[in-house]
Amino acid sequence: MTFEEMRQTIADGDGFIAALDQSGGSTPKALAGYGVSEDEYSGDEEMFAKIHEMRCRIVESSAFTGEKVIGAILFEKTMEGCNPDGISIPERLSGKGIVPFLKVDKGMHDTENGVQLMKPMPELDANCARAKELGVFGTKMRSVVHEANDEGIAANVAQQMDFGLQILGNGLVPMLEPEVSLKSETRGEAEALLLKHALDQMERVPDGQQVMWKLTLPVQPDTYKALVDHPKVLRVVALSGGYSREEACAELAKNSGMVASFSRALLEELRAQMDEQTFDRALETAIDTIYCASIAPDR
């Protein structure tokens, strides 16, 4: 796919974005959920090899196609890796009609003013250049909101846009992810503040360019409709947060114009011990369920 074809797929495609970007800190938990215990690998190299096997199995599955999956977010090591036939993962995805994205954030600081800001990304320009070279369309970066602190949320969203504009300058489309924690006791108020500051920050996006937002499924349905309809927003996608697939899909279907970008809710029933037929069937069920929730509001 050309870059413009990828843009059209994300803008208009029916389907969702798979989040296959678990990083070093979350990889052991993801592997455990997949049925691979920590005594089955030793050290980071073997751990990342195990998670790469899992991701390749998903990407190569007959159920994983551009018909219902319009994009996939990759960890850097996955982007640099290949499938069993030696084809780079971004190229393999693009060949299946799936738009590749790269997770670029390097973790977060401790909580301050009710939020966790991202750590510095001194190699962001170089990472963007490499991603573009490999045929990646966009990026994703995550920070977290824990409480309805106006000052903290303003700083969180501004930082997302600061990096987003840098990414736009490198010719990629940024997916901004200021996640509101499902555990927040002031979640509804935090989401209202997040929307206000997100709309303010959208004024900084140059004319003719667009960003994406990846947001927690809101307490009040359609909280983020103003972003969904914003001319400088390519697409608004939802993270599953800590919801089960059933819960996440039920919440997603209440929000017009938002589509899924799920990780745990996509992978929750997949196991390393499954034979290929069982694995493909379980993945197909997950994809069908998330796809239906992603297109439900537009029916």
Protein backbone atom coordinates (compact mmCIF):
# COMPACT_ATOMS: atom_id res chain seq x y z
CA MET A 1 0.00 0.00 0.00
CA THR A 2 1.11 3.54 -0.67
CA PHE A 3 1.05 6.09 2.14
CA GLU A 4 -2.11 7.65 0.71
CA GLU A 5 -3.79 4.24 0.42
CA MET A 6 -2.94 3.64 4.08
CA ARG A 7 -4.45 7.00 4.99
CA GLN A 8 -7.67 6.12 3.20
CA THR A 9 -7.80 2.72 4.88
CA ILE A 10 -7.52 4.28 8.34
CA ALA A 11 -9.90 7.13 7.52
CA ASP A 12 -12.68 5.13 5.87
CA GLY A 13 -12.04 1.44 6.50
CA ASP A 14 -14.53 -0.72 8.38
CA GLY A 15 -12.63 -2.54 11.10
CA PHE A 16 -10.28 -1.95 14.01
CA ILE A 17 -6.60 -1.55 14.89
CA ALA A 18 -4.90 -4.45 16.65
CA ALA A 19 -2.47 -3.45 19.42
CA LEU A 20 0.49 -5.85 19.24
CA ASP A 21 2.91 -3.49 20.95
CA GLN A 22 3.54 -4.92 24.43
CA SER A 23 6.97 -3.64 25.48
CA GLY A 24 9.60 -4.89 27.92
CA GLY A 25 7.64 -4.15 31.07
CA SER A 26 4.37 -5.70 29.91
CA THR A 27 5.80 -8.61 27.91
CA PRO A 28 6.01 -11.17 30.78
CA LYS A 29 2.34 -10.56 31.62
CA ALA A 30 1.35 -10.85 27.95
CA LEU A 31 3.30 -14.11 27.62
CA ALA A 32 1.76 -15.49 30.81
CA GLY A 33 -1.69 -14.74 29.42
CA TYR A 34 -0.67 -16.60 26.27
CA GLY A 35 0.33 -19.61 28.34
CA VAL A 36 4.10 -19.11 28.31
CA SER A 37 5.52 -19.06 31.85
CA GLU A 38 8.69 -17.25 32.88
CA ASP A 39 10.56 -20.53 33.35
CA GLU A 40 10.26 -21.15 29.59
CA TYR A 41 12.70 -18.36 28.72
CA SER A 42 15.81 -16.79 30.21
CA GLY A 43 16.70 -13.13 29.77
CA ASP A 44 15.27 -10.42 27.56
CA GLU A 45 16.49 -11.90 24.27
CA GLU A 46 14.62 -15.16 24.77
CA MET A 47 11.59 -13.31 26.16
CA PHE A 48 11.35 -11.09 23.08
CA ALA A 49 11.84 -14.13 20.84
CA LYS A 50 8.82 -15.75 22.51
CA ILE A 51 6.62 -12.67 22.10
CA HIS A 52 7.78 -12.34 18.48
CA GLU A 53 6.66 -15.92 17.85
CA MET A 54 3.24 -15.05 19.27
CA ARG A 55 2.92 -11.92 17.14
CA CYS A 56 4.04 -13.73 13.99
CA ARG A 57 1.47 -16.44 14.67
CA ILE A 58 -1.23 -13.76 14.85
CA VAL A 59 -0.04 -11.90 11.76
CA GLU A 60 0.23 -15.12 9.73
CA SER A 61 -3.18 -16.43 10.81
CA SER A 62 -5.76 -16.77 8.06
CA ALA A 63 -8.15 -14.88 10.36
CA PHE A 64 -5.89 -11.81 10.51
CA THR A 65 -6.64 -9.88 7.31
CA GLY A 66 -7.41 -6.36 6.16
CA GLU A 67 -11.05 -7.31 5.76
CA LYS A 68 -11.69 -6.58 9.45
CA VAL A 69 -8.32 -5.45 10.83
CA ILE A 70 -7.38 -2.10 9.31
CA GLY A 71 -4.20 -1.50 11.29
CA ALA A 72 -1.72 -3.00 13.74
CA ILE A 73 0.53 -1.28 16.30
CA LEU A 74 4.00 -2.81 16.61
CA PHE A 75 6.74 -2.78 19.23
CA GLU A 76 10.09 -1.64 17.78
CA LYS A 77 11.61 -5.13 17.88
CA THR A 78 8.57 -6.49 16.05
CA MET A 79 8.87 -3.80 13.38
CA GLU A 80 12.50 -4.79 12.85
CA GLY A 81 11.66 -8.51 12.76
CA CYS A 82 10.52 -10.81 9.98
CA ASN A 83 7.94 -13.52 9.53
CA PRO A 84 9.04 -17.17 9.05
CA ASP A 85 9.49 -16.50 5.31
CA GLY A 86 11.88 -13.62 5.92
CA ILE A 87 9.40 -10.86 5.03
CA SER A 88 9.52 -7.83 7.30
CA ILE A 89 6.49 -7.53 9.57
CA PRO A 90 5.45 -4.08 8.22
CA GLU A 91 5.67 -5.38 4.66
CA ARG A 92 3.71 -8.51 5.56
CA LEU A 93 0.98 -6.44 7.20
CA SER A 94 0.78 -4.03 4.28
CA GLY A 95 0.53 -6.99 1.89
CA LYS A 96 -2.54 -8.18 3.83
CA GLY A 97 -4.15 -4.72 3.64
CA ILE A 98 -3.28 -3.86 7.27
CA VAL A 99 -1.68 -0.49 8.06
CA PRO A 100 1.41 -0.70 10.33
CA PHE A 101 2.03 1.67 13.25
CA LEU A 102 5.01 1.87 15.62
CA LYS A 103 4.94 2.36 19.41
CA VAL A 104 7.53 5.08 20.02
CA ASP A 105 7.26 6.03 23.71
CA LYS A 106 9.97 4.91 26.12
CA GLY A 107 7.90 4.59 29.27
CA MET A 108 6.55 7.10 31.77
CA HIS A 109 7.60 9.12 34.78
CA ASP A 110 6.06 8.57 38.21
CA THR A 111 2.70 10.21 38.91
CA GLU A 112 2.71 13.97 39.46
CA ASN A 113 -0.34 16.26 39.44
CA GLY A 114 -2.51 13.19 38.90
CA VAL A 115 -0.84 12.14 35.63
CA GLN A 116 2.11 10.21 34.30
CA LEU A 117 4.00 12.03 31.58
CA MET A 118 6.16 10.29 29.02
CA LYS A 119 9.90 10.06 29.42
CA PRO A 120 12.10 11.94 26.90
CA MET A 121 12.48 10.46 23.42
CA PRO A 122 15.85 11.70 22.17
CA GLU A 123 15.88 9.19 19.31
CA LEU A 124 12.37 9.99 18.07
CA ASP A 125 13.51 11.51 14.76
CA ALA A 126 15.73 8.51 14.04
CA ASN A 127 12.96 6.07 15.00
CA CYS A 128 10.54 7.86 12.70
CA ALA A 129 13.02 7.78 9.83
CA ARG A 130 13.56 4.04 10.30
CA ALA A 131 9.82 3.39 10.55
CA LYS A 132 9.18 5.33 7.36
CA GLU A 133 11.95 3.38 5.62
CA LEU A 134 10.18 0.13 6.56
CA GLY A 135 6.80 1.29 5.28
CA VAL A 136 5.18 2.24 8.59
CA PHE A 137 2.32 4.76 8.40
CA GLY A 138 2.10 6.17 11.90
CA THR A 139 3.14 6.02 15.53
CA LYS A 140 1.56 5.54 18.95
CA MET A 141 2.63 6.85 22.36
CA ARG A 142 1.00 6.40 25.75
CA SER A 143 0.73 8.53 28.88
CA VAL A 144 -1.78 8.14 31.73
CA VAL A 145 -4.31 10.30 33.58
CA HIS A 146 -5.12 9.08 37.10
CA GLU A 147 -7.32 11.89 38.40
CA ALA A 148 -9.21 15.00 37.35
CA ASN A 149 -6.35 17.43 37.88
CA ASP A 150 -6.67 20.28 35.38
CA GLU A 151 -3.02 21.28 35.50
CA GLY A 152 -1.82 17.71 35.13
CA ILE A 153 -4.18 16.86 32.27
CA ALA A 154 -3.25 20.07 30.43
CA ALA A 155 0.45 19.14 30.68
CA ASN A 156 -0.26 15.55 29.64
CA VAL A 157 -2.18 16.50 26.51
CA ALA A 158 0.28 19.27 25.60
CA GLN A 159 3.17 16.81 25.80
CA GLN A 160 1.30 14.39 23.55
CA MET A 161 0.82 17.13 20.98
CA ASP A 162 4.44 18.33 21.29
CA PHE A 163 5.67 14.91 20.26
CA GLY A 164 2.81 14.55 17.78
CA LEU A 165 3.88 17.64 15.88
CA GLN A 166 7.46 16.35 15.80
CA ILE A 167 6.18 13.07 14.34
CA LEU A 168 4.08 14.91 11.74
CA GLY A 169 7.25 16.77 10.78
CA ASN A 170 8.86 13.40 10.08
CA GLY A 171 6.11 12.45 7.64
CA LEU A 172 4.21 10.00 9.86
CA VAL A 173 0.76 10.22 11.45
CA PRO A 174 0.84 10.26 15.28
CA MET A 175 -1.67 8.41 17.42
CA LEU A 176 -1.92 10.33 20.69
CA GLU A 177 -2.85 8.16 23.70
CA PRO A 178 -3.46 10.01 26.98
CA GLU A 179 -5.15 7.06 28.69
CA VAL A 180 -7.58 7.80 31.53
CA SER A 181 -7.22 5.00 34.06
CA LEU A 182 -10.34 2.90 34.60
CA LYS A 183 -9.39 2.91 38.28
CA SER A 184 -9.69 6.69 38.57
CA GLU A 185 -12.26 7.79 41.13
CA THR A 186 -12.81 10.99 39.13
CA ARG A 187 -12.85 9.39 35.71
CA GLY A 188 -15.83 11.22 34.24
CA GLU A 189 -14.48 14.62 35.29
CA ALA A 190 -11.02 13.68 34.00
CA GLU A 191 -12.47 12.75 30.61
CA ALA A 192 -14.29 16.09 30.35
CA LEU A 193 -11.04 17.93 31.10
CA LEU A 194 -9.17 15.73 28.63
CA LEU A 195 -11.63 16.61 25.88
CA LYS A 196 -11.32 20.33 26.61
CA HIS A 197 -7.54 20.28 26.46
CA ALA A 198 -7.47 17.97 23.44
CA LEU A 199 -9.66 20.37 21.46
CA ASP A 200 -7.43 23.27 22.53
CA GLN A 201 -4.32 21.39 21.39
CA MET A 202 -5.90 20.58 18.02
CA GLU A 203 -5.48 24.27 17.17
CA ARG A 204 -1.75 23.58 16.91
CA VAL A 205 -2.13 21.02 14.11
CA PRO A 206 -1.15 22.64 10.78
CA ASP A 207 -3.84 23.04 8.16
CA GLY A 208 -3.99 20.06 5.84
CA GLN A 209 -2.55 17.65 8.41
CA GLN A 210 -4.23 15.19 10.78
CA VAL A 211 -3.52 13.29 13.98
CA MET A 212 -5.22 10.32 15.61
CA TRP A 213 -6.38 9.86 19.20
CA LYS A 214 -6.43 6.62 21.21
CA LEU A 215 -8.65 7.07 24.25
CA THR A 216 -10.19 5.16 27.12
CA LEU A 217 -13.81 4.17 26.55
CA PRO A 218 -15.62 7.04 28.31
CA VAL A 219 -18.05 6.95 31.21
CA GLN A 220 -20.48 9.07 29.21
CA PRO A 221 -20.98 7.66 25.69
CA ASP A 222 -19.93 9.95 22.85
CA THR A 223 -17.86 12.15 25.17
CA TYR A 224 -15.27 12.37 22.40
CA LYS A 225 -17.65 12.96 19.48
CA ALA A 226 -16.18 16.44 18.92
CA LEU A 227 -12.80 14.81 18.26
CA VAL A 228 -14.37 12.12 16.06
CA ASP A 229 -15.88 14.88 13.90
CA HIS A 230 -12.85 17.20 13.95
CA PRO A 231 -11.45 17.83 10.43
CA LYS A 232 -7.87 17.53 11.69
CA VAL A 233 -8.50 14.12 13.31
CA LEU A 234 -7.98 11.13 11.03
CA ARG A 235 -9.60 8.62 13.40
CA VAL A 236 -10.42 8.15 17.08
CA VAL A 237 -9.76 4.67 18.43
CA ALA A 238 -10.48 3.13 21.82
CA LEU A 239 -8.24 1.13 24.14
CA SER A 240 -9.68 -1.74 26.15
CA GLY A 241 -7.95 -0.58 29.34
CA GLY A 242 -8.69 -3.47 31.69
CA TYR A 243 -12.09 -4.40 30.39
CA SER A 244 -12.73 -7.94 29.24
CA ARG A 245 -13.48 -8.29 25.54
CA GLU A 246 -17.21 -8.58 26.24
CA GLU A 247 -17.19 -5.45 28.41
CA ALA A 248 -14.97 -3.46 26.04
CA CYS A 249 -17.10 -4.30 23.01
CA ALA A 250 -20.32 -3.41 24.84
CA GLU A 251 -18.87 -0.02 25.81
CA LEU A 252 -17.40 0.62 22.37
CA ALA A 253 -20.72 0.02 20.63
CA LYS A 254 -22.17 2.98 22.58
CA ASN A 255 -19.70 5.45 21.02
CA SER A 256 -20.45 6.61 17.50
CA GLY A 257 -17.46 6.87 15.21
CA MET A 258 -14.90 5.29 17.56
CA VAL A 259 -13.30 1.99 16.57
CA ALA A 260 -11.31 -0.45 18.68
CA SER A 261 -7.58 -0.60 19.20
CA PHE A 262 -7.53 -3.50 21.63
CA SER A 263 -4.65 -5.58 23.00
CA ARG A 264 -5.70 -7.74 25.95
CA ALA A 265 -9.31 -7.91 24.74
CA LEU A 266 -8.04 -9.23 21.40
CA LEU A 267 -5.57 -11.76 22.79
CA GLU A 268 -7.35 -12.96 25.95
CA GLU A 269 -8.35 -16.41 24.65
CA LEU A 270 -5.22 -17.21 22.59
CA ARG A 271 -2.83 -19.83 23.97
CA ALA A 272 0.55 -21.09 22.80
CA GLN A 273 -0.59 -24.69 23.33
CA MET A 274 -3.43 -24.42 20.77
CA ASP A 275 -3.11 -26.25 17.47
CA GLU A 276 -3.34 -24.02 14.41
CA GLN A 277 -7.00 -24.72 13.71
CA THR A 278 -8.04 -23.96 17.28
CA PHE A 279 -5.83 -20.86 17.40
CA ASP A 280 -7.21 -19.50 14.13
CA ARG A 281 -10.77 -20.15 15.25
CA ALA A 282 -10.23 -18.38 18.59
CA LEU A 283 -8.60 -15.40 16.85
CA GLU A 284 -11.37 -15.28 14.26
CA THR A 285 -14.01 -15.17 17.03
CA ALA A 286 -12.18 -12.31 18.75
CA ILE A 287 -11.75 -10.38 15.51
CA ASP A 288 -15.41 -10.84 14.53
CA THR A 289 -16.63 -9.67 17.94
CA ILE A 290 -14.40 -6.56 18.01
CA TYR A 291 -15.18 -5.77 14.38
CA CYS A 292 -18.92 -5.85 15.02
CA ALA A 293 -18.56 -3.51 17.99
CA SER A 294 -16.37 -1.16 15.93
CA ILE A 295 -18.93 -0.74 13.16
CA ALA A 296 -22.08 -0.97 15.29
CA PRO A 297 -22.68 2.79 15.79
CA ASP A 298 -22.51 3.43 12.05
CA ARG A 299 -25.05 0.82 11.02
